[in-house]
Amino acid sequence: MVSKTTLREAARIRRAELATDDFAQKLAAFALALGVAPDTVIGGYMALPGEADPALLLDRLAADGAVIALPRVAEKNAPLAFHRHLPGGALRKGPYGIAEPPPDWPVVVPQILLVPLLAFDARGHRLGYGGGYYDRTIEALDRNGPLRTVGIAFAGQEIVAIPDEGHDRTLDMIATEVGVRSFHHTRGTRR
């Protein structure tokens, strides 16, 4: 099987070719398919250039009563901290150059986590950037109670298979511009 490093290089190139002007509108149209109840805490993210951007989806979910949270790298090699998004509040650049909330915004625990990725497969495995932040975060949030993980991607980011390593966490769902797909895992068997 191809190494994750090789897959990451190919996935970055492929993803750069997939962005469309109407992606955000198409993705947001599937907000109802996520089955989000009012006051549910959604852990979102600030998209990097070329990444599938969930901003419009998050706006739609917030309009429907969800609480939106954004991640912050509180400590290297630790789970991400999530802070309630304060509309109009200024984000700042984190240690990796990604916009994130300041540490004084209220800390919340997501019940649904939107996850960025480079690629995914039909089993719900995701290829991240290699830092392990989302794997550690999913593992930590799983211990706090029910967590639903939703990969956000362009449909063309699907590949045949992603190597599965012991620390990898699978997704419960994937949301793309063509729809939402569920993967069925028994709680505690996300590997």
C-alpha atoms as a PDB file:
ATOM      1  CA  MET A   1       0.000   0.000   0.000  1.00  0.00           C
ATOM      2  CA  VAL A   2       1.136   3.564  -0.687  1.00  0.00           C
ATOM      3  CA  SER A   3       2.563   5.511   2.270  1.00  0.00           C
ATOM      4  CA  LYS A   4       0.541   8.249   3.934  1.00  0.00           C
ATOM      5  CA  THR A   5       3.237  10.774   2.999  1.00  0.00           C
ATOM      6  CA  THR A   6       2.836   9.939  -0.700  1.00  0.00           C
ATOM      7  CA  LEU A   7      -0.963  10.007  -0.367  1.00  0.00           C
ATOM      8  CA  ARG A   8      -0.795  13.445   1.306  1.00  0.00           C
ATOM      9  CA  GLU A   9       1.298  14.901  -1.508  1.00  0.00           C
ATOM     10  CA  ALA A  10      -1.090  13.567  -4.163  1.00  0.00           C
ATOM     11  CA  ALA A  11      -4.182  14.604  -2.165  1.00  0.00           C
ATOM     12  CA  ARG A  12      -2.980  18.212  -1.813  1.00  0.00           C
ATOM     13  CA  ILE A  13      -2.479  18.481  -5.567  1.00  0.00           C
ATOM     14  CA  ARG A  14      -5.837  16.865  -6.311  1.00  0.00           C
ATOM     15  CA  ARG A  15      -7.734  18.997  -3.783  1.00  0.00           C
ATOM     16  CA  ALA A  16      -6.378  22.191  -5.345  1.00  0.00           C
ATOM     17  CA  GLU A  17      -8.155  21.211  -8.571  1.00  0.00           C
ATOM     18  CA  LEU A  18     -11.521  20.500  -6.914  1.00  0.00           C
ATOM     19  CA  ALA A  19     -12.595  23.859  -5.483  1.00  0.00           C
ATOM     20  CA  THR A  20     -15.702  25.329  -7.087  1.00  0.00           C
ATOM     21  CA  ASP A  21     -17.435  28.657  -6.549  1.00  0.00           C
ATOM     22  CA  ASP A  22     -20.691  26.993  -5.507  1.00  0.00           C
ATOM     23  CA  PHE A  23     -19.238  24.405  -3.088  1.00  0.00           C
ATOM     24  CA  ALA A  24     -20.236  26.323   0.069  1.00  0.00           C
ATOM     25  CA  GLN A  25     -23.845  26.795  -1.069  1.00  0.00           C
ATOM     26  CA  LYS A  26     -24.187  23.129  -2.040  1.00  0.00           C
ATOM     27  CA  LEU A  27     -22.664  21.960   1.256  1.00  0.00           C
ATOM     28  CA  ALA A  28     -24.887  24.284   3.318  1.00  0.00           C
ATOM     29  CA  ALA A  29     -27.956  22.862   1.568  1.00  0.00           C
ATOM     30  CA  PHE A  30     -27.291  19.586   3.394  1.00  0.00           C
ATOM     31  CA  ALA A  31     -27.434  21.152   6.879  1.00  0.00           C
ATOM     32  CA  LEU A  32     -30.734  19.388   7.663  1.00  0.00           C
ATOM     33  CA  ALA A  33     -29.208  16.004   6.791  1.00  0.00           C
ATOM     34  CA  LEU A  34     -26.816  16.398   9.712  1.00  0.00           C
ATOM     35  CA  GLY A  35     -29.760  16.206  12.141  1.00  0.00           C
ATOM     36  CA  VAL A  36     -28.618  18.990  14.456  1.00  0.00           C
ATOM     37  CA  ALA A  37     -30.938  19.929  17.331  1.00  0.00           C
ATOM     38  CA  PRO A  38     -31.024  23.502  18.689  1.00  0.00           C
ATOM     39  CA  ASP A  39     -28.307  24.221  21.283  1.00  0.00           C
ATOM     40  CA  THR A  40     -26.106  21.405  19.955  1.00  0.00           C
ATOM     41  CA  VAL A  41     -22.446  22.422  20.157  1.00  0.00           C
ATOM     42  CA  ILE A  42     -20.774  22.127  16.750  1.00  0.00           C
ATOM     43  CA  GLY A  43     -16.984  22.156  16.563  1.00  0.00           C
ATOM     44  CA  GLY A  44     -16.114  23.805  13.268  1.00  0.00           C
ATOM     45  CA  TYR A  45     -12.839  25.000  11.813  1.00  0.00           C
ATOM     46  CA  MET A  46     -11.365  27.865   9.834  1.00  0.00           C
ATOM     47  CA  ALA A  47     -10.497  26.552   6.384  1.00  0.00           C
ATOM     48  CA  LEU A  48      -7.019  26.806   4.947  1.00  0.00           C
ATOM     49  CA  PRO A  49      -6.647  28.009   1.343  1.00  0.00           C
ATOM     50  CA  GLY A  50      -7.954  25.294  -0.977  1.00  0.00           C
ATOM     51  CA  GLU A  51      -9.624  23.381   1.866  1.00  0.00           C
ATOM     52  CA  ALA A  52     -13.343  22.544   1.867  1.00  0.00           C
ATOM     53  CA  ASP A  53     -14.733  25.561   3.725  1.00  0.00           C
ATOM     54  CA  PRO A  54     -17.587  24.929   6.199  1.00  0.00           C
ATOM     55  CA  ALA A  55     -18.212  28.643   6.970  1.00  0.00           C
ATOM     56  CA  LEU A  56     -21.584  28.885   5.200  1.00  0.00           C
ATOM     57  CA  LEU A  57     -22.676  25.536   6.671  1.00  0.00           C
ATOM     58  CA  LEU A  58     -21.755  26.806  10.148  1.00  0.00           C
ATOM     59  CA  ASP A  59     -23.729  30.005   9.514  1.00  0.00           C
ATOM     60  CA  ARG A  60     -26.771  27.922   8.506  1.00  0.00           C
ATOM     61  CA  LEU A  61     -26.452  25.686  11.579  1.00  0.00           C
ATOM     62  CA  ALA A  62     -26.097  28.748  13.852  1.00  0.00           C
ATOM     63  CA  ALA A  63     -29.221  30.271  12.296  1.00  0.00           C
ATOM     64  CA  ASP A  64     -31.013  27.020  13.204  1.00  0.00           C
ATOM     65  CA  GLY A  65     -29.940  27.394  16.851  1.00  0.00           C
ATOM     66  CA  ALA A  66     -26.665  25.458  17.047  1.00  0.00           C
ATOM     67  CA  VAL A  67     -23.796  26.747  19.178  1.00  0.00           C
ATOM     68  CA  ILE A  68     -20.688  27.153  17.023  1.00  0.00           C
ATOM     69  CA  ALA A  69     -17.228  26.530  18.449  1.00  0.00           C
ATOM     70  CA  LEU A  70     -13.825  26.982  16.844  1.00  0.00           C
ATOM     71  CA  PRO A  71     -10.605  25.115  17.649  1.00  0.00           C
ATOM     72  CA  ARG A  72      -7.468  26.483  19.229  1.00  0.00           C
ATOM     73  CA  VAL A  73      -4.089  24.813  19.588  1.00  0.00           C
ATOM     74  CA  ALA A  74      -3.723  25.179  23.348  1.00  0.00           C
ATOM     75  CA  GLU A  75      -0.683  22.937  23.579  1.00  0.00           C
ATOM     76  CA  LYS A  76       1.495  21.155  21.029  1.00  0.00           C
ATOM     77  CA  ASN A  77       0.655  17.443  20.603  1.00  0.00           C
ATOM     78  CA  ALA A  78      -2.492  17.759  22.758  1.00  0.00           C
ATOM     79  CA  PRO A  79      -6.191  17.684  21.817  1.00  0.00           C
ATOM     80  CA  LEU A  80      -7.578  20.920  20.401  1.00  0.00           C
ATOM     81  CA  ALA A  81      -9.460  23.263  22.740  1.00  0.00           C
ATOM     82  CA  PHE A  82     -12.832  24.518  21.468  1.00  0.00           C
ATOM     83  CA  HIS A  83     -14.151  27.979  22.234  1.00  0.00           C
ATOM     84  CA  ARG A  84     -17.637  29.305  21.606  1.00  0.00           C
ATOM     85  CA  HIS A  85     -17.562  31.490  18.513  1.00  0.00           C
ATOM     86  CA  LEU A  86     -18.392  35.076  19.365  1.00  0.00           C
ATOM     87  CA  PRO A  87     -19.707  36.699  16.154  1.00  0.00           C
ATOM     88  CA  GLY A  88     -17.788  39.856  15.425  1.00  0.00           C
ATOM     89  CA  GLY A  89     -14.989  38.843  17.777  1.00  0.00           C
ATOM     90  CA  ALA A  90     -11.488  39.011  16.359  1.00  0.00           C
ATOM     91  CA  LEU A  91      -9.724  35.739  15.680  1.00  0.00           C
ATOM     92  CA  ARG A  92      -5.938  35.562  15.824  1.00  0.00           C
ATOM     93  CA  LYS A  93      -3.263  33.541  14.063  1.00  0.00           C
ATOM     94  CA  GLY A  94      -2.386  30.349  15.903  1.00  0.00           C
ATOM     95  CA  PRO A  95       0.967  28.569  15.935  1.00  0.00           C
ATOM     96  CA  TYR A  96       0.334  27.024  12.493  1.00  0.00           C
ATOM     97  CA  GLY A  97      -0.901  30.259  10.901  1.00  0.00           C
ATOM     98  CA  ILE A  98      -4.568  29.227  11.142  1.00  0.00           C
ATOM     99  CA  ALA A  99      -7.107  31.723  12.506  1.00  0.00           C
ATOM    100  CA  GLU A 100      -8.318  30.660  15.936  1.00  0.00           C
ATOM    101  CA  PRO A 101     -10.213  32.133  18.894  1.00  0.00           C
ATOM    102  CA  PRO A 102      -8.343  33.791  21.745  1.00  0.00           C
ATOM    103  CA  PRO A 103      -8.011  31.723  24.930  1.00  0.00           C
ATOM    104  CA  ASP A 104     -10.404  33.962  26.903  1.00  0.00           C
ATOM    105  CA  TRP A 105     -13.451  33.009  24.811  1.00  0.00           C
ATOM    106  CA  PRO A 106     -15.732  30.498  26.622  1.00  0.00           C
ATOM    107  CA  VAL A 107     -14.543  26.882  26.390  1.00  0.00           C
ATOM    108  CA  VAL A 108     -17.198  24.406  25.202  1.00  0.00           C
ATOM    109  CA  VAL A 109     -17.303  20.684  24.407  1.00  0.00           C
ATOM    110  CA  PRO A 110     -18.503  19.841  20.879  1.00  0.00           C
ATOM    111  CA  GLN A 111     -21.153  17.178  20.398  1.00  0.00           C
ATOM    112  CA  ILE A 112     -20.619  17.235  16.637  1.00  0.00           C
ATOM    113  CA  LEU A 113     -17.152  17.791  15.225  1.00  0.00           C
ATOM    114  CA  LEU A 114     -16.563  18.982  11.659  1.00  0.00           C
ATOM    115  CA  VAL A 115     -13.214  17.609  10.542  1.00  0.00           C
ATOM    116  CA  PRO A 116     -10.963  18.924   7.757  1.00  0.00           C
ATOM    117  CA  LEU A 117      -9.084  16.387   5.665  1.00  0.00           C
ATOM    118  CA  LEU A 118      -6.939  15.762   2.607  1.00  0.00           C
ATOM    119  CA  ALA A 119      -8.731  12.565   1.520  1.00  0.00           C
ATOM    120  CA  PHE A 120     -11.262   9.983   2.724  1.00  0.00           C
ATOM    121  CA  ASP A 121     -12.320   6.472   1.762  1.00  0.00           C
ATOM    122  CA  ALA A 122     -15.557   4.463   1.679  1.00  0.00           C
ATOM    123  CA  ARG A 123     -14.905   3.066   5.179  1.00  0.00           C
ATOM    124  CA  GLY A 124     -14.858   6.505   6.817  1.00  0.00           C
ATOM    125  CA  HIS A 125     -11.097   6.683   7.170  1.00  0.00           C
ATOM    126  CA  ARG A 126      -9.608  10.131   6.705  1.00  0.00           C
ATOM    127  CA  LEU A 127      -6.205  11.318   5.691  1.00  0.00           C
ATOM    128  CA  GLY A 128      -5.260  14.336   7.759  1.00  0.00           C
ATOM    129  CA  TYR A 129      -2.187  16.506   7.673  1.00  0.00           C
ATOM    130  CA  GLY A 130      -0.043  14.216   9.804  1.00  0.00           C
ATOM    131  CA  GLY A 131       0.017  16.131  13.087  1.00  0.00           C
ATOM    132  CA  GLY A 132      -2.545  13.920  14.837  1.00  0.00           C
ATOM    133  CA  TYR A 133      -4.476  16.858  16.310  1.00  0.00           C
ATOM    134  CA  TYR A 134      -7.889  15.652  15.168  1.00  0.00           C
ATOM    135  CA  ASP A 135      -7.193  12.012  16.103  1.00  0.00           C
ATOM    136  CA  ARG A 136      -6.237  13.119  19.637  1.00  0.00           C
ATOM    137  CA  THR A 137      -9.202  15.500  19.787  1.00  0.00           C
ATOM    138  CA  ILE A 138     -11.704  12.838  18.686  1.00  0.00           C
ATOM    139  CA  GLU A 139     -10.299  10.382  21.218  1.00  0.00           C
ATOM    140  CA  ALA A 140     -10.563  12.967  24.032  1.00  0.00           C
ATOM    141  CA  LEU A 141     -14.070  14.122  23.057  1.00  0.00           C
ATOM    142  CA  ASP A 142     -15.272  10.506  22.773  1.00  0.00           C
ATOM    143  CA  ARG A 143     -14.506  10.107  26.478  1.00  0.00           C
ATOM    144  CA  ASN A 144     -16.814  13.065  27.288  1.00  0.00           C
ATOM    145  CA  GLY A 145     -19.924  11.438  25.858  1.00  0.00           C
ATOM    146  CA  PRO A 146     -21.572  10.919  22.496  1.00  0.00           C
ATOM    147  CA  LEU A 147     -19.653  12.558  19.667  1.00  0.00           C
ATOM    148  CA  ARG A 148     -20.518  12.618  15.976  1.00  0.00           C
ATOM    149  CA  THR A 149     -17.627  13.272  13.598  1.00  0.00           C
ATOM    150  CA  VAL A 150     -18.342  14.726  10.160  1.00  0.00           C
ATOM    151  CA  GLY A 151     -15.602  15.051   7.573  1.00  0.00           C
ATOM    152  CA  ILE A 152     -15.987  18.085   5.317  1.00  0.00           C
ATOM    153  CA  ALA A 153     -14.633  17.508   1.824  1.00  0.00           C
ATOM    154  CA  PHE A 154     -15.014  17.876  -1.892  1.00  0.00           C
ATOM    155  CA  ALA A 155     -16.549  14.688  -3.332  1.00  0.00           C
ATOM    156  CA  GLY A 156     -13.456  14.263  -5.499  1.00  0.00           C
ATOM    157  CA  GLN A 157     -11.286  13.822  -2.403  1.00  0.00           C
ATOM    158  CA  GLU A 158     -12.489  10.228  -2.024  1.00  0.00           C
ATOM    159  CA  ILE A 159      -9.810   7.648  -2.744  1.00  0.00           C
ATOM    160  CA  VAL A 160      -9.886   3.839  -2.814  1.00  0.00           C
ATOM    161  CA  ALA A 161      -8.231   3.181   0.547  1.00  0.00           C
ATOM    162  CA  ILE A 162      -6.343   4.990   3.278  1.00  0.00           C
ATOM    163  CA  PRO A 163      -3.845   3.035   5.381  1.00  0.00           C
ATOM    164  CA  ASP A 164      -5.304   2.509   8.853  1.00  0.00           C
ATOM    165  CA  GLU A 165      -2.930   2.970  11.771  1.00  0.00           C
ATOM    166  CA  GLY A 166      -3.782   2.241  15.400  1.00  0.00           C
ATOM    167  CA  HIS A 167      -4.127   5.903  16.401  1.00  0.00           C
ATOM    168  CA  ASP A 168      -6.380   6.828  13.452  1.00  0.00           C
ATOM    169  CA  ARG A 169     -10.018   7.654  14.170  1.00  0.00           C
ATOM    170  CA  THR A 170     -12.709   6.994  11.592  1.00  0.00           C
ATOM    171  CA  LEU A 171     -15.498   9.412  10.736  1.00  0.00           C
ATOM    172  CA  ASP A 172     -19.197   8.896  11.420  1.00  0.00           C
ATOM    173  CA  MET A 173     -20.214  10.905   8.353  1.00  0.00           C
ATOM    174  CA  ILE A 174     -18.771  12.720   5.371  1.00  0.00           C
ATOM    175  CA  ALA A 175     -20.433  15.848   3.956  1.00  0.00           C
ATOM    176  CA  THR A 176     -19.588  16.979   0.434  1.00  0.00           C
ATOM    177  CA  GLU A 177     -21.188  19.139  -2.218  1.00  0.00           C
ATOM    178  CA  VAL A 178     -23.115  16.087  -3.494  1.00  0.00           C
ATOM    179  CA  GLY A 179     -24.537  14.868  -0.193  1.00  0.00           C
ATOM    180  CA  VAL A 180     -24.001  13.397   3.244  1.00  0.00           C
ATOM    181  CA  ARG A 181     -22.921   9.791   3.745  1.00  0.00           C
ATOM    182  CA  SER A 182     -23.001   7.890   7.048  1.00  0.00           C
ATOM    183  CA  PHE A 183     -20.529   5.237   8.124  1.00  0.00           C
ATOM    184  CA  HIS A 184     -21.721   2.785  10.745  1.00  0.00           C
ATOM    185  CA  HIS A 185     -19.297   2.189  13.593  1.00  0.00           C
ATOM    186  CA  THR A 186     -19.990   0.791  17.026  1.00  0.00           C
ATOM    187  CA  ARG A 187     -19.079   3.285  19.739  1.00  0.00           C
ATOM    188  CA  GLY A 188     -15.584   2.560  20.961  1.00  0.00           C
ATOM    189  CA  THR A 189     -14.520   0.987  17.659  1.00  0.00           C
ATOM    190  CA  ARG A 190     -13.489   4.083  15.770  1.00  0.00           C
ATOM    191  CA  ARG A 191     -10.219   2.509  14.724  1.00  0.00           C
END
